[in-house]
Amino acid sequence: MCNLYRQRSGPQAIIDLSRAFRSLVGNLAPGDIYPDYPAPIVRMDGDERVLTTARWGLPSPAFALEGKKTDKGVTNVRNTKSPHWRRWLSPEHRCLVPFTAFSEPGRDAEGKYRPVWFELPDRPEGLAFFAGIWVPQWTSVRKLKEGEVTADLFAFLTTEPSEPVKSVHPKAMPVILTEAEEIEAWMNAPWELAQELQRPLPDGELVQILE
């Protein structure tokens, strides 16, 4: 599943597309984003929609932590019927995760791991959003050398894949929001309606990038 994505848009483009009221991030350095590192998200802060940052990886379920000293976090969420995730599906815990491209694990001609990249063509700055979930001020040990930390955390939903992602990774792809109506529904609608957004894009809407 997607454990590496790219974000190259500036703060103003993200604010404009998400209809955020303000930014808390200053300048954003464009680049590739890896699990357990800070990344931009758009979330609610009281009555305002704000652009801020959080650490990629939601708290892991208790069963996944048995016998472990650290919780590296869960980057992708699929089973929204799980009680572990259901508590964070209301609008106050939903967020938008800006991206310009994402990767799925592939193999080169020699069988070595190589990420395969996908993007949405013909969009301003290539910008779109993953349907995200965020949790404020969660205390855990992410890395032993780091010790106990308290941080805002996020992840994004996945769903069954469409082409061309399906040919590379047949199990899952991120839930992607491209239309203003989808963005507003994800941020505001009750879960009974918002859950309908957990679906793949139509075949062919994404394109594979040659790198």
Protein backbone atom coordinates (compact mmCIF):
# COMPACT_ATOMS: atom_id res chain seq x y z
CA MET A 1 0.00 0.00 0.00
CA CYS A 2 0.98 3.63 -0.35
CA ASN A 3 3.84 4.36 2.05
CA LEU A 4 5.48 7.09 0.00
CA TYR A 5 3.93 10.12 -1.64
CA ARG A 6 4.96 13.49 -3.00
CA GLN A 7 3.80 17.00 -2.16
CA ARG A 8 5.08 19.86 -4.29
CA SER A 9 2.31 22.45 -4.03
CA GLY A 10 2.72 25.69 -2.14
CA PRO A 11 0.59 26.67 0.87
CA GLN A 12 -1.61 29.08 -1.09
CA ALA A 13 -2.60 26.45 -3.65
CA ILE A 14 -3.55 24.04 -0.84
CA ILE A 15 -5.52 26.74 0.98
CA ASP A 16 -7.37 27.72 -2.18
CA LEU A 17 -8.35 24.17 -3.18
CA SER A 18 -9.32 23.10 0.35
CA ARG A 19 -11.05 26.41 1.19
CA ALA A 20 -9.00 26.68 4.36
CA PHE A 21 -9.17 29.93 6.33
CA ARG A 22 -5.54 30.19 7.34
CA SER A 23 -2.13 28.52 7.38
CA LEU A 24 -0.07 27.50 10.41
CA VAL A 25 2.85 26.10 8.41
CA GLY A 26 4.78 29.04 6.95
CA ASN A 27 6.66 27.87 3.89
CA LEU A 28 6.37 24.23 2.76
CA ALA A 29 9.42 22.45 1.43
CA PRO A 30 8.39 20.36 -1.60
CA GLY A 31 9.49 16.75 -1.63
CA ASP A 32 8.75 13.09 -0.94
CA ILE A 33 6.95 12.17 2.27
CA TYR A 34 7.75 9.02 4.25
CA PRO A 35 5.95 7.33 7.17
CA ASP A 36 6.40 8.81 10.64
CA TYR A 37 7.52 12.22 9.33
CA PRO A 38 5.58 15.51 9.54
CA ALA A 39 3.46 16.40 6.52
CA PRO A 40 0.83 19.03 5.70
CA ILE A 41 -2.84 18.36 6.38
CA VAL A 42 -5.97 20.50 6.33
CA ARG A 43 -8.17 20.01 9.40
CA MET A 44 -10.64 21.85 11.56
CA ASP A 45 -9.41 24.11 14.37
CA GLY A 46 -12.57 25.05 16.20
CA ASP A 47 -14.81 26.59 13.55
CA GLU A 48 -11.97 27.26 11.10
CA ARG A 49 -10.39 25.04 8.48
CA VAL A 50 -6.61 25.37 8.75
CA LEU A 51 -3.50 24.15 6.97
CA THR A 52 -1.08 22.65 9.48
CA THR A 53 1.17 19.60 9.90
CA ALA A 54 0.93 16.21 11.59
CA ARG A 55 3.04 13.07 11.79
CA TRP A 56 2.17 10.30 9.31
CA GLY A 57 0.94 7.19 11.12
CA LEU A 58 -2.13 6.78 13.33
CA PRO A 59 -2.01 4.82 16.60
CA SER A 60 -1.90 1.07 15.97
CA PRO A 61 -4.60 -1.27 17.32
CA ALA A 62 -3.77 -2.92 20.62
CA PHE A 63 -3.39 -6.41 19.11
CA ALA A 64 -0.70 -5.11 16.74
CA LEU A 65 1.35 -3.80 19.66
CA GLU A 66 1.50 -7.02 21.69
CA GLY A 67 5.12 -7.73 22.61
CA LYS A 68 6.39 -4.51 21.00
CA LYS A 69 8.10 -1.56 22.64
CA THR A 70 7.26 0.96 19.94
CA ASP A 71 4.29 1.98 17.84
CA LYS A 72 5.46 3.05 14.38
CA GLY A 73 1.90 3.93 13.42
CA VAL A 74 -0.57 2.87 10.74
CA THR A 75 -0.23 4.83 7.50
CA ASN A 76 -3.25 3.46 5.60
CA VAL A 77 -6.74 2.68 6.96
CA ARG A 78 -9.08 0.28 5.15
CA ASN A 79 -11.44 -1.38 7.64
CA THR A 80 -13.59 1.51 8.84
CA LYS A 81 -15.94 -0.91 10.60
CA SER A 82 -13.23 -1.68 13.16
CA PRO A 83 -13.98 -0.14 16.59
CA HIS A 84 -10.38 1.08 16.68
CA TRP A 85 -11.00 3.37 13.67
CA ARG A 86 -14.71 4.09 14.14
CA ARG A 87 -14.02 6.46 17.05
CA TRP A 88 -12.13 8.76 14.67
CA LEU A 89 -14.51 8.87 11.70
CA SER A 90 -16.58 11.89 12.74
CA PRO A 91 -15.98 15.23 10.95
CA GLU A 92 -13.80 16.67 13.73
CA HIS A 93 -11.25 13.90 13.07
CA ARG A 94 -11.31 14.06 9.28
CA CYS A 95 -8.65 15.89 7.31
CA LEU A 96 -7.41 16.48 3.79
CA VAL A 97 -3.92 15.27 2.92
CA PRO A 98 -2.50 17.22 -0.05
CA PHE A 99 -0.43 15.35 -2.62
CA THR A 100 0.83 15.74 -6.15
CA ALA A 101 1.85 12.10 -6.74
CA PHE A 102 1.91 8.80 -4.85
CA SER A 103 3.70 5.51 -5.24
CA GLU A 104 2.94 1.83 -4.92
CA PRO A 105 5.58 -0.88 -4.50
CA GLY A 106 6.82 -2.35 -7.77
CA ARG A 107 9.77 -4.33 -9.12
CA ASP A 108 12.30 -3.50 -11.80
CA ALA A 109 13.58 -5.89 -14.49
CA GLU A 110 16.02 -7.40 -11.98
CA GLY A 111 13.29 -8.01 -9.42
CA LYS A 112 14.47 -5.28 -7.08
CA TYR A 113 12.02 -3.03 -5.27
CA ARG A 114 11.22 0.17 -7.11
CA PRO A 115 8.36 2.56 -6.37
CA VAL A 116 5.92 3.11 -9.21
CA TRP A 117 4.50 6.63 -9.26
CA PHE A 118 1.05 7.89 -10.21
CA GLU A 119 -0.44 11.34 -10.63
CA LEU A 120 -3.56 13.14 -11.80
CA PRO A 121 -2.89 14.93 -15.09
CA ASP A 122 -4.24 18.34 -16.08
CA ARG A 123 -4.74 19.67 -12.56
CA PRO A 124 -3.35 22.99 -11.28
CA GLU A 125 0.04 22.09 -9.77
CA GLY A 126 -1.11 18.45 -9.93
CA LEU A 127 -2.76 18.94 -6.55
CA ALA A 128 -5.45 16.71 -5.04
CA PHE A 129 -6.24 15.30 -1.58
CA PHE A 130 -6.28 11.94 0.14
CA ALA A 131 -9.25 11.40 2.47
CA GLY A 132 -7.47 11.57 5.81
CA ILE A 133 -8.08 10.97 9.50
CA TRP A 134 -6.18 12.79 12.22
CA VAL A 135 -5.80 12.36 15.99
CA PRO A 136 -4.62 15.23 18.20
CA GLN A 137 -1.85 15.05 20.78
CA TRP A 138 -1.36 11.28 21.01
CA THR A 139 1.35 10.09 23.41
CA SER A 140 3.37 7.02 22.46
CA VAL A 141 6.88 5.73 21.76
CA ARG A 142 7.40 5.91 18.00
CA LYS A 143 11.13 5.16 18.10
CA LEU A 144 13.14 3.81 21.05
CA LYS A 145 15.89 6.40 20.60
CA GLU A 146 13.28 9.16 20.60
CA GLY A 147 11.42 7.99 23.68
CA GLU A 148 7.87 9.00 24.53
CA VAL A 149 6.47 11.81 22.41
CA THR A 150 3.15 13.59 22.07
CA ALA A 151 2.14 14.57 18.54
CA ASP A 152 -0.76 15.13 16.18
CA LEU A 153 -1.04 12.07 13.91
CA PHE A 154 -2.73 11.30 10.61
CA ALA A 155 -3.29 8.60 8.01
CA PHE A 156 -5.57 8.22 4.99
CA LEU A 157 -8.16 5.77 3.77
CA THR A 158 -7.54 3.13 1.12
CA THR A 159 -9.93 1.22 -1.10
CA GLU A 160 -9.87 -1.31 -3.93
CA PRO A 161 -7.66 -0.10 -6.80
CA SER A 162 -8.57 1.03 -10.29
CA GLU A 163 -6.30 1.08 -13.33
CA PRO A 164 -3.46 1.79 -13.80
CA VAL A 165 -2.74 1.27 -10.07
CA LYS A 166 -4.43 -2.15 -10.08
CA SER A 167 -1.89 -3.60 -12.51
CA VAL A 168 0.94 -2.63 -10.13
CA HIS A 169 -0.72 -3.16 -6.76
CA PRO A 170 -3.96 -5.18 -6.95
CA LYS A 171 -4.83 -4.92 -3.26
CA ALA A 172 -5.42 -1.23 -2.55
CA MET A 173 -5.02 2.41 -3.50
CA PRO A 174 -5.58 5.65 -1.56
CA VAL A 175 -9.00 7.27 -1.44
CA ILE A 176 -8.59 10.42 -3.54
CA LEU A 177 -10.80 13.52 -3.50
CA THR A 178 -10.73 15.70 -6.63
CA GLU A 179 -14.02 17.61 -6.68
CA ALA A 180 -15.13 20.46 -4.41
CA GLU A 181 -18.29 18.55 -3.50
CA GLU A 182 -16.22 15.55 -2.39
CA ILE A 183 -13.94 17.73 -0.29
CA GLU A 184 -16.89 19.38 1.46
CA ALA A 185 -18.63 16.04 2.05
CA TRP A 186 -15.49 14.51 3.55
CA MET A 187 -15.00 17.44 5.89
CA ASN A 188 -18.61 17.96 6.93
CA ALA A 189 -21.01 15.12 6.14
CA PRO A 190 -22.12 12.48 8.66
CA TRP A 191 -20.30 9.19 8.28
CA GLU A 192 -23.33 7.55 6.69
CA LEU A 193 -22.76 9.81 3.68
CA ALA A 194 -19.01 10.37 3.88
CA GLN A 195 -18.28 6.62 3.78
CA GLU A 196 -19.50 6.54 0.18
CA LEU A 197 -16.30 8.40 -0.75
CA GLN A 198 -14.24 5.32 0.14
CA ARG A 199 -14.11 4.19 -3.50
CA PRO A 200 -11.51 4.14 -6.27
CA LEU A 201 -11.20 6.74 -8.99
CA PRO A 202 -12.54 5.69 -12.40
CA ASP A 203 -10.15 3.64 -14.53
CA GLY A 204 -7.71 5.83 -16.41
CA GLU A 205 -8.10 8.95 -14.30
CA LEU A 206 -4.62 8.46 -12.86
CA VAL A 207 -1.54 8.12 -15.03
CA GLN A 208 1.72 6.34 -14.30
CA ILE A 209 4.83 8.53 -14.19
CA LEU A 210 8.02 7.36 -15.80
CA GLU A 211 11.00 8.09 -13.55
